[in-house]
Amino acid sequence: TNLVTGAALATINRLPVLLLPGDTFATRPADPVLQQLEVPYAGDVSVNDCLRPVSRYFDRITRPEALIPAALQAMRVLADPAETGAVTLALPQDVQAEA
């Protein structure tokens, strides 16, 4: 929750902050792993989803080739004084290893 509080303050005060939290595996079935949230009906929900409401831009990178376009969009948000705030790019562990 410390990261959520910081992200909310950055968004409210229009401070550009880039958040790169690790995330659960994008392609592995549910097991007890880092930051897993037990949701039996949705395999694409993780603890990082709590950052969505407090981020000006949020994206979960599911493939390495999606990182560059998402990073460019994140930088556009961070560079716009009227729109800036917390920007979150969630990086699943298997995508980090593949990249």
PDB file of N, CA and C in Angstrom:
ATOM      1  N   THR A   1       0.811  -1.202   0.000  1.00  0.00           N
ATOM      2  CA  THR A   1       0.000   0.000   0.000  1.00  0.00           C
ATOM      3  C   THR A   1       0.851   1.261   0.000  1.00  0.00           C
ATOM      4  N   ASN A   2       2.110   1.154   0.357  1.00  0.00           N
ATOM      5  CA  ASN A   2       2.972   2.342   0.332  1.00  0.00           C
ATOM      6  C   ASN A   2       3.081   2.909  -1.078  1.00  0.00           C
ATOM      7  N   LEU A   3       3.183   2.050  -2.068  1.00  0.00           N
ATOM      8  CA  LEU A   3       3.291   2.506  -3.453  1.00  0.00           C
ATOM      9  C   LEU A   3       1.994   3.164  -3.920  1.00  0.00           C
ATOM     10  N   VAL A   4       0.862   2.650  -3.477  1.00  0.00           N
ATOM     11  CA  VAL A   4      -0.428   3.226  -3.861  1.00  0.00           C
ATOM     12  C   VAL A   4      -0.554   4.642  -3.309  1.00  0.00           C
ATOM     13  N   THR A   5      -0.154   4.840  -2.065  1.00  0.00           N
ATOM     14  CA  THR A   5      -0.220   6.172  -1.455  1.00  0.00           C
ATOM     15  C   THR A   5       0.669   7.153  -2.204  1.00  0.00           C
ATOM     16  N   GLY A   6       1.884   6.751  -2.517  1.00  0.00           N
ATOM     17  CA  GLY A   6       2.793   7.614  -3.268  1.00  0.00           C
ATOM     18  C   GLY A   6       2.268   7.934  -4.656  1.00  0.00           C
ATOM     19  N   ALA A   7       1.684   6.942  -5.319  1.00  0.00           N
ATOM     20  CA  ALA A   7       1.120   7.162  -6.653  1.00  0.00           C
ATOM     21  C   ALA A   7      -0.058   8.128  -6.587  1.00  0.00           C
ATOM     22  N   ALA A   8      -0.901   7.969  -5.596  1.00  0.00           N
ATOM     23  CA  ALA A   8      -2.053   8.862  -5.451  1.00  0.00           C
ATOM     24  C   ALA A   8      -1.601  10.297  -5.211  1.00  0.00           C
ATOM     25  N   LEU A   9      -0.614  10.476  -4.347  1.00  0.00           N
ATOM     26  CA  LEU A   9      -0.107  11.828  -4.083  1.00  0.00           C
ATOM     27  C   LEU A   9       0.525  12.437  -5.327  1.00  0.00           C
ATOM     28  N   ALA A  10       1.256  11.636  -6.087  1.00  0.00           N
ATOM     29  CA  ALA A  10       1.870  12.136  -7.323  1.00  0.00           C
ATOM     30  C   ALA A  10       0.803  12.565  -8.323  1.00  0.00           C
ATOM     31  N   THR A  11      -0.253  11.797  -8.445  1.00  0.00           N
ATOM     32  CA  THR A  11      -1.320  12.125  -9.388  1.00  0.00           C
ATOM     33  C   THR A  11      -2.081  13.369  -8.942  1.00  0.00           C
ATOM     34  N   ILE A  12      -2.421  13.445  -7.670  1.00  0.00           N
ATOM     35  CA  ILE A  12      -3.154  14.609  -7.154  1.00  0.00           C
ATOM     36  C   ILE A  12      -2.340  15.889  -7.305  1.00  0.00           C
ATOM     37  N   ASN A  13      -1.038  15.801  -7.026  1.00  0.00           N
ATOM     38  CA  ASN A  13      -0.165  16.982  -7.080  1.00  0.00           C
ATOM     39  C   ASN A  13       0.490  17.190  -8.440  1.00  0.00           C
ATOM     40  N   ARG A  14       0.119  16.375  -9.418  1.00  0.00           N
ATOM     41  CA  ARG A  14       0.670  16.445 -10.780  1.00  0.00           C
ATOM     42  C   ARG A  14       2.198  16.395 -10.782  1.00  0.00           C
ATOM     43  N   LEU A  15       2.715  15.393 -10.090  1.00  0.00           N
ATOM     44  CA  LEU A  15       4.153  15.145 -10.067  1.00  0.00           C
ATOM     45  C   LEU A  15       4.446  13.950 -10.970  1.00  0.00           C
ATOM     46  N   PRO A  16       5.345  14.079 -11.940  1.00  0.00           N
ATOM     47  CA  PRO A  16       5.637  12.951 -12.832  1.00  0.00           C
ATOM     48  C   PRO A  16       6.426  11.859 -12.112  1.00  0.00           C
ATOM     49  N   VAL A  17       5.825  10.683 -12.017  1.00  0.00           N
ATOM     50  CA  VAL A  17       6.458   9.541 -11.353  1.00  0.00           C
ATOM     51  C   VAL A  17       6.227   8.304 -12.216  1.00  0.00           C
ATOM     52  N   LEU A  18       7.306   7.591 -12.533  1.00  0.00           N
ATOM     53  CA  LEU A  18       7.216   6.348 -13.300  1.00  0.00           C
ATOM     54  C   LEU A  18       7.347   5.174 -12.340  1.00  0.00           C
ATOM     55  N   LEU A  19       6.341   4.308 -12.309  1.00  0.00           N
ATOM     56  CA  LEU A  19       6.333   3.131 -11.447  1.00  0.00           C
ATOM     57  C   LEU A  19       6.514   1.888 -12.311  1.00  0.00           C
ATOM     58  N   LEU A  20       7.441   1.030 -11.928  1.00  0.00           N
ATOM     59  CA  LEU A  20       7.715  -0.210 -12.666  1.00  0.00           C
ATOM     60  C   LEU A  20       7.603  -1.404 -11.711  1.00  0.00           C
ATOM     61  N   PRO A  21       6.402  -1.728 -11.251  1.00  0.00           N
ATOM     62  CA  PRO A  21       6.267  -2.847 -10.321  1.00  0.00           C
ATOM     63  C   PRO A  21       6.368  -4.192 -11.034  1.00  0.00           C
ATOM     64  N   GLY A  22       6.942  -5.164 -10.351  1.00  0.00           N
ATOM     65  CA  GLY A  22       6.921  -6.530 -10.855  1.00  0.00           C
ATOM     66  C   GLY A  22       5.492  -7.052 -10.777  1.00  0.00           C
ATOM     67  N   ASP A  23       5.185  -8.066 -11.546  1.00  0.00           N
ATOM     68  CA  ASP A  23       3.824  -8.599 -11.564  1.00  0.00           C
ATOM     69  C   ASP A  23       3.889 -10.120 -11.643  1.00  0.00           C
ATOM     70  N   THR A  24       2.750 -10.769 -11.423  1.00  0.00           N
ATOM     71  CA  THR A  24       2.697 -12.222 -11.528  1.00  0.00           C
ATOM     72  C   THR A  24       2.956 -12.643 -12.975  1.00  0.00           C
ATOM     73  N   PHE A  25       3.262 -13.893 -13.172  1.00  0.00           N
ATOM     74  CA  PHE A  25       3.574 -14.404 -14.498  1.00  0.00           C
ATOM     75  C   PHE A  25       2.396 -14.201 -15.448  1.00  0.00           C
ATOM     76  N   ALA A  26       2.678 -13.747 -16.643  1.00  0.00           N
ATOM     77  CA  ALA A  26       1.629 -13.507 -17.638  1.00  0.00           C
ATOM     78  C   ALA A  26       1.129 -14.807 -18.257  1.00  0.00           C
ATOM     79  N   THR A  27       1.976 -15.833 -18.315  1.00  0.00           N
ATOM     80  CA  THR A  27       1.612 -17.056 -19.036  1.00  0.00           C
ATOM     81  C   THR A  27       1.529 -18.290 -18.155  1.00  0.00           C
ATOM     82  N   ARG A  28       1.803 -18.179 -16.880  1.00  0.00           N
ATOM     83  CA  ARG A  28       1.791 -19.344 -16.002  1.00  0.00           C
ATOM     84  C   ARG A  28       0.455 -19.445 -15.272  1.00  0.00           C
ATOM     85  N   PRO A  29      -0.068 -20.670 -15.111  1.00  0.00           N
ATOM     86  CA  PRO A  29      -1.308 -20.818 -14.346  1.00  0.00           C
ATOM     87  C   PRO A  29      -1.106 -20.376 -12.893  1.00  0.00           C
ATOM     88  N   ALA A  30      -2.189 -20.081 -12.250  1.00  0.00           N
ATOM     89  CA  ALA A  30      -2.125 -19.553 -10.879  1.00  0.00           C
ATOM     90  C   ALA A  30      -1.440 -20.522  -9.924  1.00  0.00           C
ATOM     91  N   ASP A  31      -0.478 -20.029  -9.211  1.00  0.00           N
ATOM     92  CA  ASP A  31       0.224 -20.684  -8.116  1.00  0.00           C
ATOM     93  C   ASP A  31       0.570 -19.586  -7.133  1.00  0.00           C
ATOM     94  N   PRO A  32       0.903 -19.935  -5.910  1.00  0.00           N
ATOM     95  CA  PRO A  32       1.329 -18.884  -4.982  1.00  0.00           C
ATOM     96  C   PRO A  32       2.675 -18.296  -5.413  1.00  0.00           C
ATOM     97  N   VAL A  33       2.642 -17.149  -6.066  1.00  0.00           N
ATOM     98  CA  VAL A  33       3.856 -16.466  -6.508  1.00  0.00           C
ATOM     99  C   VAL A  33       3.788 -15.005  -6.093  1.00  0.00           C
ATOM    100  N   LEU A  34       4.821 -14.258  -6.417  1.00  0.00           N
ATOM    101  CA  LEU A  34       4.943 -12.859  -6.044  1.00  0.00           C
ATOM    102  C   LEU A  34       3.696 -12.049  -6.400  1.00  0.00           C
ATOM    103  N   GLN A  35       3.144 -11.373  -5.428  1.00  0.00           N
ATOM    104  CA  GLN A  35       2.038 -10.428  -5.595  1.00  0.00           C
ATOM    105  C   GLN A  35       0.807 -11.042  -6.247  1.00  0.00           C
ATOM    106  N   GLN A  36       0.569 -12.308  -6.001  1.00  0.00           N
ATOM    107  CA  GLN A  36      -0.618 -12.933  -6.591  1.00  0.00           C
ATOM    108  C   GLN A  36      -1.843 -12.602  -5.763  1.00  0.00           C
ATOM    109  N   LEU A  37      -2.923 -12.354  -6.432  1.00  0.00           N
ATOM    110  CA  LEU A  37      -4.209 -12.099  -5.807  1.00  0.00           C
ATOM    111  C   LEU A  37      -5.113 -13.267  -6.170  1.00  0.00           C
ATOM    112  N   GLU A  38      -5.709 -13.869  -5.174  1.00  0.00           N
ATOM    113  CA  GLU A  38      -6.559 -15.031  -5.423  1.00  0.00           C
ATOM    114  C   GLU A  38      -7.914 -14.595  -5.973  1.00  0.00           C
ATOM    115  N   VAL A  39      -8.086 -14.673  -7.265  1.00  0.00           N
ATOM    116  CA  VAL A  39      -9.359 -14.370  -7.908  1.00  0.00           C
ATOM    117  C   VAL A  39      -9.685 -15.562  -8.806  1.00  0.00           C
ATOM    118  N   PRO A  40     -10.573 -16.449  -8.364  1.00  0.00           N
ATOM    119  CA  PRO A  40     -10.815 -17.677  -9.127  1.00  0.00           C
ATOM    120  C   PRO A  40     -11.453 -17.453 -10.494  1.00  0.00           C
ATOM    121  N   TYR A  41     -12.134 -16.346 -10.701  1.00  0.00           N
ATOM    122  CA  TYR A  41     -12.844 -16.123 -11.957  1.00  0.00           C
ATOM    123  C   TYR A  41     -12.085 -15.243 -12.940  1.00  0.00           C
ATOM    124  N   ALA A  42     -10.954 -14.661 -12.534  1.00  0.00           N
ATOM    125  CA  ALA A  42     -10.209 -13.774 -13.439  1.00  0.00           C
ATOM    126  C   ALA A  42      -8.715 -14.002 -13.252  1.00  0.00           C
ATOM    127  N   GLY A  43      -8.088 -14.620 -14.230  1.00  0.00           N
ATOM    128  CA  GLY A  43      -6.662 -14.884 -14.142  1.00  0.00           C
ATOM    129  C   GLY A  43      -5.786 -13.698 -14.460  1.00  0.00           C
ATOM    130  N   ASP A  44      -6.375 -12.605 -14.908  1.00  0.00           N
ATOM    131  CA  ASP A  44      -5.580 -11.444 -15.291  1.00  0.00           C
ATOM    132  C   ASP A  44      -5.609 -10.329 -14.243  1.00  0.00           C
ATOM    133  N   VAL A  45      -6.053 -10.631 -13.038  1.00  0.00           N
ATOM    134  CA  VAL A  45      -6.103  -9.643 -11.965  1.00  0.00           C
ATOM    135  C   VAL A  45      -4.933  -9.886 -11.028  1.00  0.00           C
ATOM    136  N   SER A  46      -4.205  -8.814 -10.693  1.00  0.00           N
ATOM    137  CA  SER A  46      -3.111  -8.938  -9.733  1.00  0.00           C
ATOM    138  C   SER A  46      -3.184  -7.785  -8.750  1.00  0.00           C
ATOM    139  N   VAL A  47      -2.337  -7.831  -7.765  1.00  0.00           N
ATOM    140  CA  VAL A  47      -2.283  -6.776  -6.757  1.00  0.00           C
ATOM    141  C   VAL A  47      -2.009  -5.425  -7.412  1.00  0.00           C
ATOM    142  N   ASN A  48      -1.264  -5.409  -8.506  1.00  0.00           N
ATOM    143  CA  ASN A  48      -0.936  -4.146  -9.175  1.00  0.00           C
ATOM    144  C   ASN A  48      -2.162  -3.426  -9.725  1.00  0.00           C
ATOM    145  N   ASP A  49      -3.273  -4.119  -9.870  1.00  0.00           N
ATOM    146  CA  ASP A  49      -4.488  -3.459 -10.357  1.00  0.00           C
ATOM    147  C   ASP A  49      -4.989  -2.390  -9.391  1.00  0.00           C
ATOM    148  N   CYS A  50      -4.541  -2.415  -8.148  1.00  0.00           N
ATOM    149  CA  CYS A  50      -4.933  -1.352  -7.217  1.00  0.00           C
ATOM    150  C   CYS A  50      -4.281  -0.024  -7.598  1.00  0.00           C
ATOM    151  N   LEU A  51      -3.294  -0.042  -8.496  1.00  0.00           N
ATOM    152  CA  LEU A  51      -2.664   1.194  -8.962  1.00  0.00           C
ATOM    153  C   LEU A  51      -3.440   1.855 -10.098  1.00  0.00           C
ATOM    154  N   ARG A  52      -4.371   1.147 -10.712  1.00  0.00           N
ATOM    155  CA  ARG A  52      -5.138   1.715 -11.838  1.00  0.00           C
ATOM    156  C   ARG A  52      -5.847   3.026 -11.479  1.00  0.00           C
ATOM    157  N   PRO A  53      -6.604   3.085 -10.381  1.00  0.00           N
ATOM    158  CA  PRO A  53      -7.349   4.323 -10.108  1.00  0.00           C
ATOM    159  C   PRO A  53      -6.472   5.520  -9.743  1.00  0.00           C
ATOM    160  N   VAL A  54      -5.238   5.273  -9.327  1.00  0.00           N
ATOM    161  CA  VAL A  54      -4.371   6.382  -8.901  1.00  0.00           C
ATOM    162  C   VAL A  54      -3.280   6.690  -9.922  1.00  0.00           C
ATOM    163  N   SER A  55      -3.331   6.056 -11.082  1.00  0.00           N
ATOM    164  CA  SER A  55      -2.340   6.298 -12.138  1.00  0.00           C
ATOM    165  C   SER A  55      -2.992   7.019 -13.310  1.00  0.00           C
ATOM    166  N   ARG A  56      -2.270   7.970 -13.877  1.00  0.00           N
ATOM    167  CA  ARG A  56      -2.762   8.656 -15.079  1.00  0.00           C
ATOM    168  C   ARG A  56      -2.704   7.728 -16.288  1.00  0.00           C
ATOM    169  N   TYR A  57      -1.752   6.794 -16.253  1.00  0.00           N
ATOM    170  CA  TYR A  57      -1.618   5.801 -17.324  1.00  0.00           C
ATOM    171  C   TYR A  57      -1.189   4.495 -16.674  1.00  0.00           C
ATOM    172  N   PHE A  58      -1.835   3.392 -17.026  1.00  0.00           N
ATOM    173  CA  PHE A  58      -1.510   2.074 -16.485  1.00  0.00           C
ATOM    174  C   PHE A  58      -1.494   1.087 -17.635  1.00  0.00           C
ATOM    175  N   ASP A  59      -0.462   0.250 -17.671  1.00  0.00           N
ATOM    176  CA  ASP A  59      -0.412  -0.814 -18.672  1.00  0.00           C
ATOM    177  C   ASP A  59       0.314  -2.003 -18.072  1.00  0.00           C
ATOM    178  N   ARG A  60      -0.217  -3.199 -18.328  1.00  0.00           N
ATOM    179  CA  ARG A  60       0.466  -4.435 -17.956  1.00  0.00           C
ATOM    180  C   ARG A  60       1.092  -4.972 -19.235  1.00  0.00           C
ATOM    181  N   ILE A  61       2.400  -5.080 -19.240  1.00  0.00           N
ATOM    182  CA  ILE A  61       3.143  -5.513 -20.421  1.00  0.00           C
ATOM    183  C   ILE A  61       3.075  -7.040 -20.487  1.00  0.00           C
ATOM    184  N   THR A  62       2.410  -7.567 -21.501  1.00  0.00           N
ATOM    185  CA  THR A  62       2.243  -9.018 -21.604  1.00  0.00           C
ATOM    186  C   THR A  62       3.206  -9.661 -22.599  1.00  0.00           C
ATOM    187  N   ARG A  63       3.868  -8.848 -23.415  1.00  0.00           N
ATOM    188  CA  ARG A  63       4.876  -9.327 -24.371  1.00  0.00           C
ATOM    189  C   ARG A  63       6.008  -8.313 -24.401  1.00  0.00           C
ATOM    190  N   PRO A  64       7.248  -8.746 -24.562  1.00  0.00           N
ATOM    191  CA  PRO A  64       8.367  -7.803 -24.589  1.00  0.00           C
ATOM    192  C   PRO A  64       8.225  -6.715 -25.652  1.00  0.00           C
ATOM    193  N   GLU A  65       7.664  -7.060 -26.816  1.00  0.00           N
ATOM    194  CA  GLU A  65       7.541  -6.059 -27.880  1.00  0.00           C
ATOM    195  C   GLU A  65       6.506  -4.975 -27.550  1.00  0.00           C
ATOM    196  N   ALA A  66       5.699  -5.172 -26.537  1.00  0.00           N
ATOM    197  CA  ALA A  66       4.719  -4.155 -26.127  1.00  0.00           C
ATOM    198  C   ALA A  66       5.329  -3.093 -25.219  1.00  0.00           C
ATOM    199  N   LEU A  67       6.552  -3.325 -24.762  1.00  0.00           N
ATOM    200  CA  LEU A  67       7.174  -2.391 -23.821  1.00  0.00           C
ATOM    201  C   LEU A  67       7.472  -1.031 -24.445  1.00  0.00           C
ATOM    202  N   ILE A  68       8.029  -0.996 -25.652  1.00  0.00           N
ATOM    203  CA  ILE A  68       8.410   0.282 -26.278  1.00  0.00           C
ATOM    204  C   ILE A  68       7.188   1.173 -26.534  1.00  0.00           C
ATOM    205  N   PRO A  69       6.116   0.676 -27.166  1.00  0.00           N
ATOM    206  CA  PRO A  69       4.946   1.550 -27.353  1.00  0.00           C
ATOM    207  C   PRO A  69       4.344   2.034 -26.027  1.00  0.00           C
ATOM    208  N   ALA A  70       4.310   1.154 -25.033  1.00  0.00           N
ATOM    209  CA  ALA A  70       3.769   1.556 -23.731  1.00  0.00           C
ATOM    210  C   ALA A  70       4.666   2.595 -23.068  1.00  0.00           C
ATOM    211  N   ALA A  71       5.978   2.423 -23.186  1.00  0.00           N
ATOM    212  CA  ALA A  71       6.915   3.393 -22.605  1.00  0.00           C
ATOM    213  C   ALA A  71       6.789   4.750 -23.289  1.00  0.00           C
ATOM    214  N   LEU A  72       6.596   4.762 -24.596  1.00  0.00           N
ATOM    215  CA  LEU A  72       6.406   6.028 -25.312  1.00  0.00           C
ATOM    216  C   LEU A  72       5.138   6.741 -24.845  1.00  0.00           C
ATOM    217  N   GLN A  73       4.053   5.996 -24.692  1.00  0.00           N
ATOM    218  CA  GLN A  73       2.810   6.601 -24.196  1.00  0.00           C
ATOM    219  C   GLN A  73       2.996   7.096 -22.762  1.00  0.00           C
ATOM    220  N   ALA A  74       3.707   6.330 -21.956  1.00  0.00           N
ATOM    221  CA  ALA A  74       3.974   6.747 -20.578  1.00  0.00           C
ATOM    222  C   ALA A  74       4.765   8.049 -20.548  1.00  0.00           C
ATOM    223  N   MET A  75       5.764   8.172 -21.413  1.00  0.00           N
ATOM    224  CA  MET A  75       6.568   9.398 -21.456  1.00  0.00           C
ATOM    225  C   MET A  75       5.740  10.596 -21.926  1.00  0.00           C
ATOM    226  N   ARG A  76       4.799  10.364 -22.835  1.00  0.00           N
ATOM    227  CA  ARG A  76       3.913  11.460 -23.270  1.00  0.00           C
ATOM    228  C   ARG A  76       3.098  11.991 -22.089  1.00  0.00           C
ATOM    229  N   VAL A  77       2.581  11.078 -21.288  1.00  0.00           N
ATOM    230  CA  VAL A  77       1.798  11.483 -20.116  1.00  0.00           C
ATOM    231  C   VAL A  77       2.691  12.202 -19.110  1.00  0.00           C
ATOM    232  N   LEU A  78       3.874  11.663 -18.868  1.00  0.00           N
ATOM    233  CA  LEU A  78       4.789  12.274 -17.896  1.00  0.00           C
ATOM    234  C   LEU A  78       5.248  13.660 -18.333  1.00  0.00           C
ATOM    235  N   ALA A  79       5.373  13.886 -19.634  1.00  0.00           N
ATOM    236  CA  ALA A  79       5.890  15.161 -20.146  1.00  0.00           C
ATOM    237  C   ALA A  79       4.813  16.234 -20.287  1.00  0.00           C
ATOM    238  N   ASP A  80       3.550  15.871 -20.156  1.00  0.00           N
ATOM    239  CA  ASP A  80       2.457  16.835 -20.306  1.00  0.00           C
ATOM    240  C   ASP A  80       2.086  17.405 -18.935  1.00  0.00           C
ATOM    241  N   PRO A  81       2.392  18.680 -18.672  1.00  0.00           N
ATOM    242  CA  PRO A  81       2.111  19.257 -17.352  1.00  0.00           C
ATOM    243  C   PRO A  81       0.639  19.182 -16.942  1.00  0.00           C
ATOM    244  N   ALA A  82      -0.260  19.211 -17.899  1.00  0.00           N
ATOM    245  CA  ALA A  82      -1.684  19.150 -17.573  1.00  0.00           C
ATOM    246  C   ALA A  82      -2.155  17.737 -17.252  1.00  0.00           C
ATOM    247  N   GLU A  83      -1.428  16.740 -17.718  1.00  0.00           N
ATOM    248  CA  GLU A  83      -1.870  15.349 -17.578  1.00  0.00           C
ATOM    249  C   GLU A  83      -0.963  14.519 -16.673  1.00  0.00           C
ATOM    250  N   THR A  84       0.170  15.058 -16.271  1.00  0.00           N
ATOM    251  CA  THR A  84       1.168  14.256 -15.570  1.00  0.00           C
ATOM    252  C   THR A  84       0.693  13.774 -14.202  1.00  0.00           C
ATOM    253  N   GLY A  85       1.364  12.788 -13.709  1.00  0.00           N
ATOM    254  CA  GLY A  85       1.067  12.156 -12.426  1.00  0.00           C
ATOM    255  C   GLY A  85       1.757  10.808 -12.421  1.00  0.00           C
ATOM    256  N   ALA A  86       1.232   9.885 -11.646  1.00  0.00           N
ATOM    257  CA  ALA A  86       1.813   8.550 -11.602  1.00  0.00           C
ATOM    258  C   ALA A  86       1.505   7.802 -12.897  1.00  0.00           C
ATOM    259  N   VAL A  87       2.509   7.129 -13.418  1.00  0.00           N
ATOM    260  CA  VAL A  87       2.392   6.283 -14.607  1.00  0.00           C
ATOM    261  C   VAL A  87       2.909   4.907 -14.209  1.00  0.00           C
ATOM    262  N   THR A  88       2.129   3.870 -14.476  1.00  0.00           N
ATOM    263  CA  THR A  88       2.488   2.519 -14.049  1.00  0.00           C
ATOM    264  C   THR A  88       2.620   1.594 -15.248  1.00  0.00           C
ATOM    265  N   LEU A  89       3.773   0.943 -15.345  1.00  0.00           N
ATOM    266  CA  LEU A  89       3.991  -0.123 -16.321  1.00  0.00           C
ATOM    267  C   LEU A  89       4.290  -1.392 -15.522  1.00  0.00           C
ATOM    268  N   ALA A  90       3.299  -2.260 -15.386  1.00  0.00           N
ATOM    269  CA  ALA A  90       3.458  -3.499 -14.637  1.00  0.00           C
ATOM    270  C   ALA A  90       4.189  -4.516 -15.508  1.00  0.00           C
ATOM    271  N   LEU A  91       5.230  -5.108 -14.960  1.00  0.00           N
ATOM    272  CA  LEU A  91       6.092  -6.013 -15.725  1.00  0.00           C
ATOM    273  C   LEU A  91       6.051  -7.422 -15.135  1.00  0.00           C
ATOM    274  N   PRO A  92       5.283  -8.337 -15.749  1.00  0.00           N
ATOM    275  CA  PRO A  92       5.248  -9.714 -15.272  1.00  0.00           C
ATOM    276  C   PRO A  92       6.643 -10.352 -15.285  1.00  0.00           C
ATOM    277  N   GLN A  93       6.867 -11.270 -14.361  1.00  0.00           N
ATOM    278  CA  GLN A  93       8.186 -11.879 -14.196  1.00  0.00           C
ATOM    279  C   GLN A  93       8.655 -12.611 -15.445  1.00  0.00           C
ATOM    280  N   ASP A  94       7.771 -13.341 -16.109  1.00  0.00           N
ATOM    281  CA  ASP A  94       8.201 -14.080 -17.292  1.00  0.00           C
ATOM    282  C   ASP A  94       8.507 -13.148 -18.456  1.00  0.00           C
ATOM    283  N   VAL A  95       7.821 -12.022 -18.551  1.00  0.00           N
ATOM    284  CA  VAL A  95       8.108 -11.043 -19.601  1.00  0.00           C
ATOM    285  C   VAL A  95       9.457 -10.381 -19.330  1.00  0.00           C
ATOM    286  N   GLN A  96       9.760 -10.099 -18.065  1.00  0.00           N
ATOM    287  CA  GLN A  96      11.068  -9.543 -17.708  1.00  0.00           C
ATOM    288  C   GLN A  96      12.185 -10.495 -18.122  1.00  0.00           C
ATOM    289  N   ALA A  97      11.993 -11.779 -17.866  1.00  0.00           N
ATOM    290  CA  ALA A  97      13.020 -12.766 -18.200  1.00  0.00           C
ATOM    291  C   ALA A  97      13.195 -12.906 -19.708  1.00  0.00           C
ATOM    292  N   GLU A  98      12.101 -12.784 -20.450  1.00  0.00           N
ATOM    293  CA  GLU A  98      12.150 -12.929 -21.904  1.00  0.00           C
ATOM    294  C   GLU A  98      12.789 -11.722 -22.580  1.00  0.00           C
ATOM    295  N   ALA A  99      12.558 -10.545 -22.004  1.00  0.00           N
ATOM    296  CA  ALA A  99      13.099  -9.313 -22.585  1.00  0.00           C
ATOM    297  C   ALA A  99      14.553  -9.263 -22.297  1.00  0.00           C
TER     298      ALA A  99
END
